[in-house]
């Protein structure tokens, strides 16, 4: 159960950070570092990052987001499946 709460929180954080960064980009304000966005995606927020990329049309042209975030999502789904069926 803890893993689902963790993943929900990380995805909510990821989605929110992408939204905030897009809003700041439109206003020419200080931005969130790309490394921060990728870090949050890597540690469980890939689904939120991927959804927000296409909801807000943000970071979709950068190859490391376009291919990296979906790859992270696939790996996280595989890991969750493994943990659910192997460990728990």
N, C-alpha and C. Protein backbone atom coordinates (compact mmCIF):
# COMPACT_ATOMS: atom_id res chain seq x y z
N UNK A 1 0.82 -1.20 0.00
CA UNK A 1 0.00 0.00 0.00
C UNK A 1 0.86 1.26 0.00
N UNK A 2 1.96 1.21 0.73
CA UNK A 2 2.85 2.37 0.79
C UNK A 2 3.34 2.77 -0.59
N UNK A 3 3.66 1.78 -1.42
CA UNK A 3 4.20 2.07 -2.75
C UNK A 3 3.20 2.85 -3.60
N UNK A 4 1.91 2.54 -3.47
CA UNK A 4 0.90 3.25 -4.25
C UNK A 4 0.73 4.69 -3.77
N UNK A 5 0.80 4.91 -2.49
CA UNK A 5 0.73 6.27 -1.94
C UNK A 5 1.95 7.07 -2.40
N UNK A 6 3.12 6.44 -2.35
CA UNK A 6 4.35 7.09 -2.80
C UNK A 6 4.25 7.47 -4.28
N UNK A 7 3.83 6.52 -5.11
CA UNK A 7 3.73 6.78 -6.55
C UNK A 7 2.69 7.85 -6.86
N UNK A 8 1.59 7.83 -6.15
CA UNK A 8 0.58 8.87 -6.34
C UNK A 8 1.16 10.25 -6.04
N UNK A 9 1.86 10.34 -4.92
CA UNK A 9 2.47 11.62 -4.54
C UNK A 9 3.53 12.08 -5.53
N UNK A 10 4.37 11.17 -5.98
CA UNK A 10 5.43 11.54 -6.94
C UNK A 10 4.83 11.97 -8.28
N UNK A 11 3.77 11.30 -8.71
CA UNK A 11 3.14 11.67 -9.98
C UNK A 11 2.40 12.99 -9.88
N UNK A 12 1.79 13.24 -8.75
CA UNK A 12 1.15 14.53 -8.53
C UNK A 12 2.20 15.65 -8.51
N UNK A 13 3.31 15.39 -7.84
CA UNK A 13 4.40 16.37 -7.81
C UNK A 13 4.95 16.62 -9.21
N UNK A 14 5.19 15.56 -9.95
CA UNK A 14 5.71 15.68 -11.30
C UNK A 14 4.77 16.48 -12.20
N UNK A 15 3.50 16.11 -12.18
CA UNK A 15 2.50 16.82 -12.99
C UNK A 15 2.48 18.30 -12.63
N UNK A 16 2.51 18.60 -11.36
CA UNK A 16 2.47 19.98 -10.88
C UNK A 16 3.71 20.76 -11.29
N UNK A 17 4.88 20.13 -11.19
CA UNK A 17 6.12 20.81 -11.57
C UNK A 17 6.16 21.14 -13.06
N UNK A 18 5.72 20.21 -13.89
CA UNK A 18 5.67 20.47 -15.33
C UNK A 18 4.71 21.62 -15.63
N UNK A 19 3.55 21.61 -14.96
CA UNK A 19 2.58 22.69 -15.15
C UNK A 19 3.17 24.03 -14.73
N UNK A 20 3.78 24.05 -13.56
CA UNK A 20 4.38 25.28 -13.05
C UNK A 20 5.48 25.78 -13.97
N UNK A 21 6.32 24.87 -14.47
CA UNK A 21 7.39 25.27 -15.37
C UNK A 21 6.84 25.83 -16.67
N UNK A 22 5.79 25.24 -17.21
CA UNK A 22 5.17 25.74 -18.43
C UNK A 22 4.58 27.13 -18.20
N UNK A 23 3.91 27.31 -17.09
CA UNK A 23 3.33 28.62 -16.77
C UNK A 23 4.41 29.68 -16.65
N UNK A 24 5.52 29.31 -15.98
CA UNK A 24 6.61 30.27 -15.84
C UNK A 24 7.29 30.56 -17.17
N UNK A 25 7.36 29.57 -18.04
CA UNK A 25 7.96 29.77 -19.36
C UNK A 25 7.15 30.79 -20.16
N UNK A 26 5.84 30.70 -20.08
CA UNK A 26 4.98 31.64 -20.81
C UNK A 26 5.14 33.07 -20.31
N UNK A 27 5.44 33.20 -19.00
CA UNK A 27 5.57 34.52 -18.39
C UNK A 27 7.02 35.00 -18.37
N UNK A 28 7.93 34.24 -18.98
CA UNK A 28 9.36 34.56 -19.01
C UNK A 28 9.93 34.77 -17.60
N UNK A 29 9.54 33.87 -16.71
CA UNK A 29 10.01 33.91 -15.33
C UNK A 29 11.05 32.83 -15.09
N UNK A 30 11.58 32.83 -13.85
CA UNK A 30 12.53 31.80 -13.44
C UNK A 30 11.92 30.44 -13.62
N UNK A 31 12.71 29.50 -14.15
CA UNK A 31 12.20 28.17 -14.52
C UNK A 31 12.72 27.09 -13.58
N UNK A 32 12.05 25.96 -13.62
CA UNK A 32 12.47 24.77 -12.89
C UNK A 32 13.52 24.06 -13.75
N UNK A 33 14.60 23.62 -13.14
CA UNK A 33 15.66 22.96 -13.89
C UNK A 33 15.16 21.68 -14.53
N UNK A 34 15.63 21.42 -15.75
CA UNK A 34 15.25 20.18 -16.43
C UNK A 34 15.69 18.96 -15.64
N UNK A 35 16.85 19.07 -14.99
CA UNK A 35 17.34 17.95 -14.18
C UNK A 35 16.37 17.63 -13.04
N UNK A 36 15.74 18.64 -12.47
CA UNK A 36 14.76 18.42 -11.40
C UNK A 36 13.54 17.70 -11.94
N UNK A 37 13.06 18.12 -13.10
CA UNK A 37 11.91 17.47 -13.71
C UNK A 37 12.21 16.00 -14.01
N UNK A 38 13.38 15.74 -14.57
CA UNK A 38 13.76 14.37 -14.89
C UNK A 38 13.98 13.54 -13.64
N UNK A 39 14.55 14.13 -12.60
CA UNK A 39 14.79 13.44 -11.34
C UNK A 39 13.48 12.97 -10.72
N UNK A 40 12.48 13.84 -10.70
CA UNK A 40 11.18 13.48 -10.14
C UNK A 40 10.53 12.38 -10.97
N UNK A 41 10.67 12.46 -12.29
CA UNK A 41 10.15 11.40 -13.16
C UNK A 41 10.85 10.08 -12.90
N UNK A 42 12.15 10.13 -12.74
CA UNK A 42 12.94 8.92 -12.53
C UNK A 42 12.55 8.21 -11.24
N UNK A 43 12.26 8.95 -10.21
CA UNK A 43 11.96 8.36 -8.91
C UNK A 43 10.47 8.19 -8.65
N UNK A 44 9.73 7.86 -9.69
CA UNK A 44 8.34 7.48 -9.53
C UNK A 44 7.31 8.37 -10.18
N UNK A 45 7.71 9.50 -10.72
CA UNK A 45 6.75 10.44 -11.28
C UNK A 45 6.67 10.45 -12.79
N UNK A 46 7.04 9.35 -13.43
CA UNK A 46 7.08 9.32 -14.90
C UNK A 46 5.68 9.45 -15.52
N UNK A 47 4.70 8.82 -14.93
CA UNK A 47 3.35 8.91 -15.49
C UNK A 47 2.84 10.35 -15.43
N UNK A 48 3.02 11.00 -14.31
CA UNK A 48 2.61 12.41 -14.18
C UNK A 48 3.37 13.31 -15.13
N UNK A 49 4.66 13.05 -15.29
CA UNK A 49 5.47 13.83 -16.23
C UNK A 49 5.02 13.63 -17.66
N UNK A 50 4.78 12.37 -18.03
CA UNK A 50 4.37 12.06 -19.40
C UNK A 50 3.01 12.68 -19.71
N UNK A 51 2.05 12.54 -18.78
CA UNK A 51 0.73 13.13 -18.99
C UNK A 51 0.81 14.65 -19.11
N UNK A 52 1.58 15.27 -18.26
CA UNK A 52 1.67 16.73 -18.30
C UNK A 52 2.40 17.23 -19.54
N UNK A 53 3.34 16.46 -20.04
CA UNK A 53 4.04 16.85 -21.28
C UNK A 53 3.04 17.05 -22.41
N UNK A 54 2.06 16.17 -22.49
CA UNK A 54 1.09 16.25 -23.57
C UNK A 54 -0.14 17.07 -23.24
N UNK A 55 -0.48 17.20 -21.97
CA UNK A 55 -1.57 18.10 -21.58
C UNK A 55 -1.20 19.55 -21.80
N UNK A 56 0.03 19.90 -21.45
CA UNK A 56 0.49 21.28 -21.51
C UNK A 56 1.41 21.56 -22.69
N UNK A 57 1.68 20.56 -23.52
CA UNK A 57 2.59 20.68 -24.67
C UNK A 57 3.92 21.29 -24.22
N UNK A 58 4.50 20.65 -23.24
CA UNK A 58 5.72 21.16 -22.61
C UNK A 58 6.81 20.10 -22.64
N UNK A 59 7.98 20.47 -23.11
CA UNK A 59 9.16 19.60 -23.18
C UNK A 59 8.99 18.45 -24.17
N UNK A 60 8.09 18.57 -25.11
CA UNK A 60 7.84 17.47 -26.04
C UNK A 60 8.83 17.43 -27.20
N UNK A 61 9.59 18.47 -27.40
CA UNK A 61 10.56 18.49 -28.50
C UNK A 61 11.97 18.09 -28.07
N UNK A 62 12.20 18.05 -26.79
CA UNK A 62 13.53 17.66 -26.29
C UNK A 62 13.59 16.15 -26.24
N UNK A 63 14.58 15.57 -26.91
CA UNK A 63 14.64 14.11 -27.07
C UNK A 63 14.72 13.39 -25.73
N UNK A 64 15.44 13.98 -24.76
CA UNK A 64 15.58 13.28 -23.49
C UNK A 64 14.31 13.28 -22.67
N UNK A 65 13.38 14.16 -22.98
CA UNK A 65 12.05 14.09 -22.37
C UNK A 65 11.13 13.21 -23.23
N UNK A 66 11.18 13.43 -24.54
CA UNK A 66 10.31 12.70 -25.46
C UNK A 66 10.50 11.19 -25.37
N UNK A 67 11.75 10.74 -25.22
CA UNK A 67 12.02 9.31 -25.15
C UNK A 67 12.34 8.84 -23.73
N UNK A 68 12.95 9.71 -22.94
CA UNK A 68 13.37 9.33 -21.59
C UNK A 68 12.22 9.12 -20.62
N UNK A 69 11.26 10.01 -20.63
CA UNK A 69 10.13 9.90 -19.69
C UNK A 69 9.28 8.65 -19.99
N UNK A 70 8.93 8.38 -21.26
CA UNK A 70 8.19 7.12 -21.52
C UNK A 70 9.01 5.88 -21.15
N UNK A 71 10.31 5.92 -21.38
CA UNK A 71 11.16 4.79 -20.99
C UNK A 71 11.14 4.60 -19.48
N UNK A 72 11.23 5.69 -18.73
CA UNK A 72 11.14 5.60 -17.28
C UNK A 72 9.79 5.03 -16.85
N UNK A 73 8.73 5.44 -17.54
CA UNK A 73 7.39 4.94 -17.22
C UNK A 73 7.31 3.43 -17.46
N UNK A 74 7.82 2.97 -18.57
CA UNK A 74 7.81 1.53 -18.86
C UNK A 74 8.58 0.77 -17.79
N UNK A 75 9.75 1.27 -17.42
CA UNK A 75 10.54 0.60 -16.39
C UNK A 75 9.83 0.59 -15.04
N UNK A 76 9.13 1.68 -14.72
CA UNK A 76 8.41 1.74 -13.45
C UNK A 76 7.22 0.79 -13.44
N UNK A 77 6.54 0.64 -14.56
CA UNK A 77 5.42 -0.30 -14.65
C UNK A 77 5.94 -1.72 -14.50
N UNK A 78 7.04 -2.04 -15.17
CA UNK A 78 7.63 -3.37 -15.06
C UNK A 78 8.08 -3.66 -13.63
N UNK A 79 8.68 -2.67 -12.99
CA UNK A 79 9.12 -2.84 -11.60
C UNK A 79 7.93 -3.04 -10.67
N UNK A 80 6.88 -2.26 -10.87
CA UNK A 80 5.67 -2.41 -10.04
C UNK A 80 5.05 -3.79 -10.24
N UNK A 81 5.01 -4.25 -11.48
CA UNK A 81 4.47 -5.57 -11.76
C UNK A 81 5.31 -6.64 -11.07
N UNK A 82 6.61 -6.51 -11.18
CA UNK A 82 7.52 -7.47 -10.55
C UNK A 82 7.32 -7.49 -9.03
N UNK A 83 7.31 -6.32 -8.43
CA UNK A 83 7.15 -6.24 -6.98
C UNK A 83 5.80 -6.77 -6.53
N UNK A 84 4.77 -6.52 -7.30
CA UNK A 84 3.42 -6.97 -6.94
C UNK A 84 3.31 -8.49 -7.01
N UNK A 85 3.90 -9.09 -8.04
CA UNK A 85 3.73 -10.52 -8.24
C UNK A 85 4.85 -11.38 -7.67
N UNK A 86 5.97 -10.80 -7.43
CA UNK A 86 7.12 -11.56 -6.94
C UNK A 86 7.29 -11.41 -5.44
N UNK A 87 7.16 -10.19 -4.97
CA UNK A 87 7.43 -9.91 -3.56
C UNK A 87 6.14 -9.99 -2.74
N UNK A 88 5.10 -9.35 -3.26
CA UNK A 88 3.98 -9.17 -2.40
C UNK A 88 2.75 -9.88 -2.61
